[in-house]
Amino acid sequence: MERFSTCELREKEVINLCDGVKLGCPCDFEFNVCEGKITAIIVPRPSGFLGLSHARDLLIPWDRIECIGSDAILVRLQPTEYRLNEKGEKRNKYW
């Protein structure tokens, strides 16, 4: 099993296997302090004026990660799980 630091994981592009979309690079991680494990990665999603705000970060559960390679993190999400509807409202629990 290969090991990566959180700094190294932040440099990898997150790519969705379902549609090939590049979702961005992780900016943060969610931890379970009791178990000492990463439970999710957080990918910033631009929003607001000129895309400068990150109000709707994408939370990707760790069990949705299929593979972590040398330059990419492959995840399996349905497009409806990370896209907003026309009004910009949340569509699912991953937002």
C-alpha atoms as a PDB file:
ATOM      1  CA  MET A   1       0.000   0.000   0.000  1.00  0.00           C
ATOM      2  CA  GLU A   2       1.424   3.330  -1.081  1.00  0.00           C
ATOM      3  CA  ARG A   3       1.279   6.232   1.377  1.00  0.00           C
ATOM      4  CA  PHE A   4       0.592   9.892   0.617  1.00  0.00           C
ATOM      5  CA  SER A   5       0.724  12.931   2.839  1.00  0.00           C
ATOM      6  CA  THR A   6      -2.229  15.335   2.860  1.00  0.00           C
ATOM      7  CA  CYS A   7      -0.024  17.863   1.052  1.00  0.00           C
ATOM      8  CA  GLU A   8       0.556  15.353  -1.747  1.00  0.00           C
ATOM      9  CA  LEU A   9      -3.173  14.521  -1.951  1.00  0.00           C
ATOM     10  CA  ARG A  10      -3.996  18.234  -2.325  1.00  0.00           C
ATOM     11  CA  GLU A  11      -1.914  18.377  -5.517  1.00  0.00           C
ATOM     12  CA  LYS A  12      -3.863  15.599  -7.261  1.00  0.00           C
ATOM     13  CA  GLU A  13      -6.762  16.281  -9.640  1.00  0.00           C
ATOM     14  CA  VAL A  14     -10.083  14.657  -8.667  1.00  0.00           C
ATOM     15  CA  ILE A  15     -11.712  13.011 -11.702  1.00  0.00           C
ATOM     16  CA  ASN A  16     -15.178  11.468 -11.819  1.00  0.00           C
ATOM     17  CA  LEU A  17     -15.194   8.040 -13.474  1.00  0.00           C
ATOM     18  CA  CYS A  18     -18.899   8.232 -14.402  1.00  0.00           C
ATOM     19  CA  ASP A  19     -18.502  11.127 -16.856  1.00  0.00           C
ATOM     20  CA  GLY A  20     -14.786  12.019 -16.945  1.00  0.00           C
ATOM     21  CA  VAL A  21     -15.289  15.478 -15.421  1.00  0.00           C
ATOM     22  CA  LYS A  22     -12.375  17.079 -13.563  1.00  0.00           C
ATOM     23  CA  LEU A  23     -13.815  18.208 -10.239  1.00  0.00           C
ATOM     24  CA  GLY A  24     -10.742  20.057  -8.983  1.00  0.00           C
ATOM     25  CA  CYS A  25      -8.112  19.396  -6.328  1.00  0.00           C
ATOM     26  CA  PRO A  26      -8.895  18.640  -2.675  1.00  0.00           C
ATOM     27  CA  CYS A  27      -8.499  21.623  -0.380  1.00  0.00           C
ATOM     28  CA  ASP A  28      -9.336  19.911   2.885  1.00  0.00           C
ATOM     29  CA  PHE A  29     -10.250  16.612   4.501  1.00  0.00           C
ATOM     30  CA  GLU A  30     -12.876  15.435   6.948  1.00  0.00           C
ATOM     31  CA  PHE A  31     -11.583  13.239   9.765  1.00  0.00           C
ATOM     32  CA  ASN A  32     -13.125  10.833  12.239  1.00  0.00           C
ATOM     33  CA  VAL A  33     -11.112  11.753  15.315  1.00  0.00           C
ATOM     34  CA  CYS A  34     -12.092   8.631  17.277  1.00  0.00           C
ATOM     35  CA  GLU A  35     -10.908   6.248  14.558  1.00  0.00           C
ATOM     36  CA  GLY A  36      -8.109   8.464  13.233  1.00  0.00           C
ATOM     37  CA  LYS A  37      -9.272   8.071   9.626  1.00  0.00           C
ATOM     38  CA  ILE A  38     -10.101  10.391   6.744  1.00  0.00           C
ATOM     39  CA  THR A  39     -13.843  10.085   6.043  1.00  0.00           C
ATOM     40  CA  ALA A  40     -14.130  12.490   3.098  1.00  0.00           C
ATOM     41  CA  ILE A  41     -12.225  14.856   0.854  1.00  0.00           C
ATOM     42  CA  ILE A  42     -13.428  18.398   0.241  1.00  0.00           C
ATOM     43  CA  VAL A  43     -13.107  19.916  -3.230  1.00  0.00           C
ATOM     44  CA  PRO A  44     -13.768  23.662  -3.597  1.00  0.00           C
ATOM     45  CA  ARG A  45     -16.453  24.596  -6.135  1.00  0.00           C
ATOM     46  CA  PRO A  46     -16.314  28.173  -7.442  1.00  0.00           C
ATOM     47  CA  SER A  47     -19.470  30.195  -7.005  1.00  0.00           C
ATOM     48  CA  GLY A  48     -20.513  33.787  -6.592  1.00  0.00           C
ATOM     49  CA  PHE A  49     -19.037  36.823  -8.321  1.00  0.00           C
ATOM     50  CA  LEU A  50     -16.293  35.748 -10.768  1.00  0.00           C
ATOM     51  CA  GLY A  51     -16.119  32.361  -9.047  1.00  0.00           C
ATOM     52  CA  LEU A  52     -14.176  33.808  -6.136  1.00  0.00           C
ATOM     53  CA  SER A  53     -16.367  32.323  -3.408  1.00  0.00           C
ATOM     54  CA  HIS A  54     -16.268  28.695  -2.298  1.00  0.00           C
ATOM     55  CA  ALA A  55     -19.609  28.559  -0.479  1.00  0.00           C
ATOM     56  CA  ARG A  56     -20.607  25.209  -1.981  1.00  0.00           C
ATOM     57  CA  ASP A  57     -17.636  22.926  -1.503  1.00  0.00           C
ATOM     58  CA  LEU A  58     -18.064  19.363  -2.698  1.00  0.00           C
ATOM     59  CA  LEU A  59     -17.791  16.733   0.042  1.00  0.00           C
ATOM     60  CA  ILE A  60     -16.766  13.365  -1.424  1.00  0.00           C
ATOM     61  CA  PRO A  61     -17.122  10.423   0.992  1.00  0.00           C
ATOM     62  CA  TRP A  62     -13.999   8.280   1.263  1.00  0.00           C
ATOM     63  CA  ASP A  63     -15.915   5.175   0.143  1.00  0.00           C
ATOM     64  CA  ARG A  64     -16.600   6.892  -3.219  1.00  0.00           C
ATOM     65  CA  ILE A  65     -12.860   7.054  -3.984  1.00  0.00           C
ATOM     66  CA  GLU A  66     -11.982   4.251  -6.397  1.00  0.00           C
ATOM     67  CA  CYS A  67      -8.256   4.833  -6.823  1.00  0.00           C
ATOM     68  CA  ILE A  68      -5.508   7.258  -5.824  1.00  0.00           C
ATOM     69  CA  GLY A  69      -2.815   7.385  -8.478  1.00  0.00           C
ATOM     70  CA  SER A  70       0.401   9.307  -8.900  1.00  0.00           C
ATOM     71  CA  ASP A  71      -1.350  12.372 -10.368  1.00  0.00           C
ATOM     72  CA  ALA A  72      -5.118  11.869  -9.921  1.00  0.00           C
ATOM     73  CA  ILE A  73      -7.812  10.734  -7.512  1.00  0.00           C
ATOM     74  CA  LEU A  74     -10.533   8.750  -9.262  1.00  0.00           C
ATOM     75  CA  VAL A  75     -14.002   8.933  -7.730  1.00  0.00           C
ATOM     76  CA  ARG A  76     -17.366   7.483  -8.694  1.00  0.00           C
ATOM     77  CA  LEU A  77     -20.208  10.030  -8.394  1.00  0.00           C
ATOM     78  CA  GLN A  78     -23.340  10.398 -10.464  1.00  0.00           C
ATOM     79  CA  PRO A  79     -23.416  13.833 -12.172  1.00  0.00           C
ATOM     80  CA  THR A  80     -26.576  14.739 -10.232  1.00  0.00           C
ATOM     81  CA  GLU A  81     -24.599  14.312  -7.011  1.00  0.00           C
ATOM     82  CA  TYR A  82     -22.314  17.260  -7.691  1.00  0.00           C
ATOM     83  CA  ARG A  83     -24.166  19.586 -10.074  1.00  0.00           C
ATOM     84  CA  LEU A  84     -26.495  22.366  -9.001  1.00  0.00           C
ATOM     85  CA  ASN A  85     -29.875  22.933 -10.545  1.00  0.00           C
ATOM     86  CA  GLU A  86     -30.655  26.169 -12.419  1.00  0.00           C
ATOM     87  CA  LYS A  87     -31.510  28.097  -9.230  1.00  0.00           C
ATOM     88  CA  GLY A  88     -28.220  27.149  -7.579  1.00  0.00           C
ATOM     89  CA  GLU A  89     -29.937  25.055  -4.921  1.00  0.00           C
ATOM     90  CA  LYS A  90     -28.474  21.966  -3.361  1.00  0.00           C
ATOM     91  CA  ARG A  91     -29.497  18.711  -4.993  1.00  0.00           C
ATOM     92  CA  ASN A  92     -28.136  16.113  -2.623  1.00  0.00           C
ATOM     93  CA  LYS A  93     -26.363  15.339   0.608  1.00  0.00           C
ATOM     94  CA  TYR A  94     -22.866  15.703  -0.860  1.00  0.00           C
ATOM     95  CA  TRP A  95     -23.078  19.504  -0.943  1.00  0.00           C
END
